[in-house]
Amino acid sequence: MKYKGYKDLKVYNLAYKLAMEIFEITKSYPKEEKYSLTDQITRSSRSVTSNLAEAWKKRRYVKMFVSKVVDAAGEAGETEVWLNYSLDCAYITKDKYDYFIEGYDEVNRMLYGMIDKPEKFCQSSA
């Protein structure tokens, strides 16, 4: 498949959708969480997509591309931890937690597919 930009990536679109849904759900978190859990989970969820955008712009260099995709996976993992806290603090339901975790499982599968086969996404140097 020929990609015109990072917005064509299925993983980008899923991660963006999840980040926006996390942003919406955190509006109901207690005000005392504003500068801790709320800030952390929205930041990490958004960083998945921003790292993908950076990876795309660096795709001429396979190692740099892979490094930024690994960073995106790291941010997805961090988001999962904040979701664990959100569930354990009773800020989200188990159903909502399961929905997000399943979404990030899919994001991670796609990210590691990109890491394993970067040539599908990177520009050739020829």
Protein backbone atom coordinates (compact mmCIF):
# COMPACT_ATOMS: atom_id res chain seq x y z
CA MET A 1 0.00 0.00 0.00
CA LYS A 2 1.20 3.49 -0.83
CA TYR A 3 0.88 5.95 2.05
CA LYS A 4 0.61 9.67 1.43
CA GLY A 5 1.26 10.58 5.05
CA TYR A 6 1.02 9.43 8.64
CA LYS A 7 -2.70 10.23 8.71
CA ASP A 8 -3.20 7.34 6.27
CA LEU A 9 -1.86 4.88 8.84
CA LYS A 10 -4.51 2.74 10.50
CA VAL A 11 -2.50 2.77 13.73
CA TYR A 12 -2.37 6.58 13.74
CA ASN A 13 -6.13 6.84 13.32
CA LEU A 14 -6.88 4.30 16.06
CA ALA A 15 -4.42 5.89 18.49
CA TYR A 16 -5.85 9.35 17.73
CA LYS A 17 -9.40 8.11 18.33
CA LEU A 18 -8.40 6.53 21.64
CA ALA A 19 -6.56 9.68 22.76
CA MET A 20 -9.61 11.83 22.02
CA GLU A 21 -11.85 9.42 23.93
CA ILE A 22 -9.44 9.49 26.88
CA PHE A 23 -9.48 13.29 26.76
CA GLU A 24 -13.29 13.24 26.94
CA ILE A 25 -13.48 10.71 29.76
CA THR A 26 -10.89 12.54 31.88
CA LYS A 27 -13.20 15.56 31.99
CA SER A 28 -15.10 13.64 34.66
CA TYR A 29 -11.99 12.91 36.78
CA PRO A 30 -11.80 14.75 40.12
CA LYS A 31 -10.30 18.23 40.00
CA GLU A 32 -7.50 17.19 42.36
CA GLU A 33 -6.26 14.84 39.59
CA LYS A 34 -5.90 17.66 37.05
CA TYR A 35 -2.12 18.05 37.44
CA SER A 36 -1.39 14.39 38.02
CA LEU A 37 -3.38 11.51 36.56
CA THR A 38 -5.45 13.58 34.12
CA ASP A 39 -2.41 15.40 32.77
CA GLN A 40 -0.32 12.22 32.55
CA ILE A 41 -2.87 10.07 30.74
CA THR A 42 -3.80 12.73 28.21
CA ARG A 43 -0.13 13.52 27.57
CA SER A 44 0.93 9.90 27.05
CA SER A 45 -2.07 9.01 24.89
CA ARG A 46 -1.40 12.01 22.65
CA SER A 47 2.30 11.18 22.47
CA VAL A 48 1.55 7.94 20.64
CA THR A 49 0.33 9.90 17.63
CA SER A 50 2.94 12.63 17.85
CA ASN A 51 5.71 10.02 17.87
CA LEU A 52 4.13 8.38 14.82
CA ALA A 53 4.11 11.72 13.02
CA GLU A 54 7.80 12.19 13.88
CA ALA A 55 8.57 8.65 12.74
CA TRP A 56 6.89 9.35 9.42
CA LYS A 57 8.96 12.46 8.85
CA LYS A 58 12.14 10.47 9.60
CA ARG A 59 11.29 7.45 7.45
CA ARG A 60 14.19 8.12 5.10
CA TYR A 61 16.38 6.71 7.88
CA VAL A 62 15.18 3.28 8.97
CA LYS A 63 16.86 3.33 12.39
CA MET A 64 15.40 6.73 13.24
CA PHE A 65 11.97 5.63 12.03
CA VAL A 66 12.07 2.49 14.16
CA SER A 67 13.30 4.46 17.18
CA LYS A 68 10.32 6.83 17.02
CA VAL A 69 7.87 3.94 16.55
CA VAL A 70 9.42 2.29 19.64
CA ASP A 71 8.84 5.59 21.47
CA ALA A 72 5.19 5.49 20.36
CA ALA A 73 4.88 1.96 21.77
CA GLY A 74 6.42 3.15 25.03
CA GLU A 75 3.85 5.92 25.29
CA ALA A 76 1.07 3.41 24.61
CA GLY A 77 2.43 1.31 27.48
CA GLU A 78 2.50 4.33 29.77
CA THR A 79 -1.10 5.08 28.84
CA GLU A 80 -2.05 1.54 29.85
CA VAL A 81 -0.53 2.12 33.30
CA TRP A 82 -2.55 5.32 33.74
CA LEU A 83 -5.65 3.37 32.69
CA ASN A 84 -4.84 0.86 35.45
CA TYR A 85 -4.79 3.72 37.97
CA SER A 86 -8.00 5.13 36.52
CA LEU A 87 -9.74 1.80 37.04
CA ASP A 88 -8.33 1.20 40.52
CA CYS A 89 -9.29 4.71 41.61
CA ALA A 90 -12.82 4.05 40.26
CA TYR A 91 -12.65 6.90 37.73
CA ILE A 92 -13.61 4.57 34.87
CA THR A 93 -15.72 1.44 34.66
CA LYS A 94 -14.30 -2.01 34.00
CA ASP A 95 -16.07 -2.02 30.63
CA LYS A 96 -14.44 1.27 29.63
CA TYR A 97 -11.08 0.04 30.90
CA ASP A 98 -11.40 -3.17 28.86
CA TYR A 99 -12.34 -1.13 25.77
CA PHE A 100 -9.23 1.04 26.08
CA ILE A 101 -6.89 -1.87 26.86
CA GLU A 102 -8.18 -3.79 23.84
CA GLY A 103 -7.63 -0.67 21.74
CA TYR A 104 -4.06 -0.26 22.95
CA ASP A 105 -3.41 -3.98 22.42
CA GLU A 106 -4.35 -3.41 18.77
CA VAL A 107 -2.24 -0.25 18.60
CA ASN A 108 0.74 -2.18 19.98
CA ARG A 109 0.27 -5.04 17.51
CA MET A 110 0.36 -2.55 14.65
CA LEU A 111 3.33 -0.64 16.08
CA TYR A 112 5.38 -3.81 16.50
CA GLY A 113 4.44 -4.80 12.96
CA MET A 114 5.95 -1.51 11.80
CA ILE A 115 9.06 -2.14 13.90
CA ASP A 116 9.45 -5.65 12.45
CA LYS A 117 8.93 -4.54 8.83
CA PRO A 118 9.99 -0.89 8.55
CA GLU A 119 10.73 -1.29 4.85
CA LYS A 120 6.97 -1.24 4.20
CA PHE A 121 6.90 2.35 5.46
CA CYS A 122 10.36 3.80 4.89
CA GLN A 123 11.56 5.54 1.77
CA SER A 124 14.24 3.76 -0.16
CA SER A 125 17.55 5.57 -0.26
CA ALA A 126 17.95 4.85 -3.97
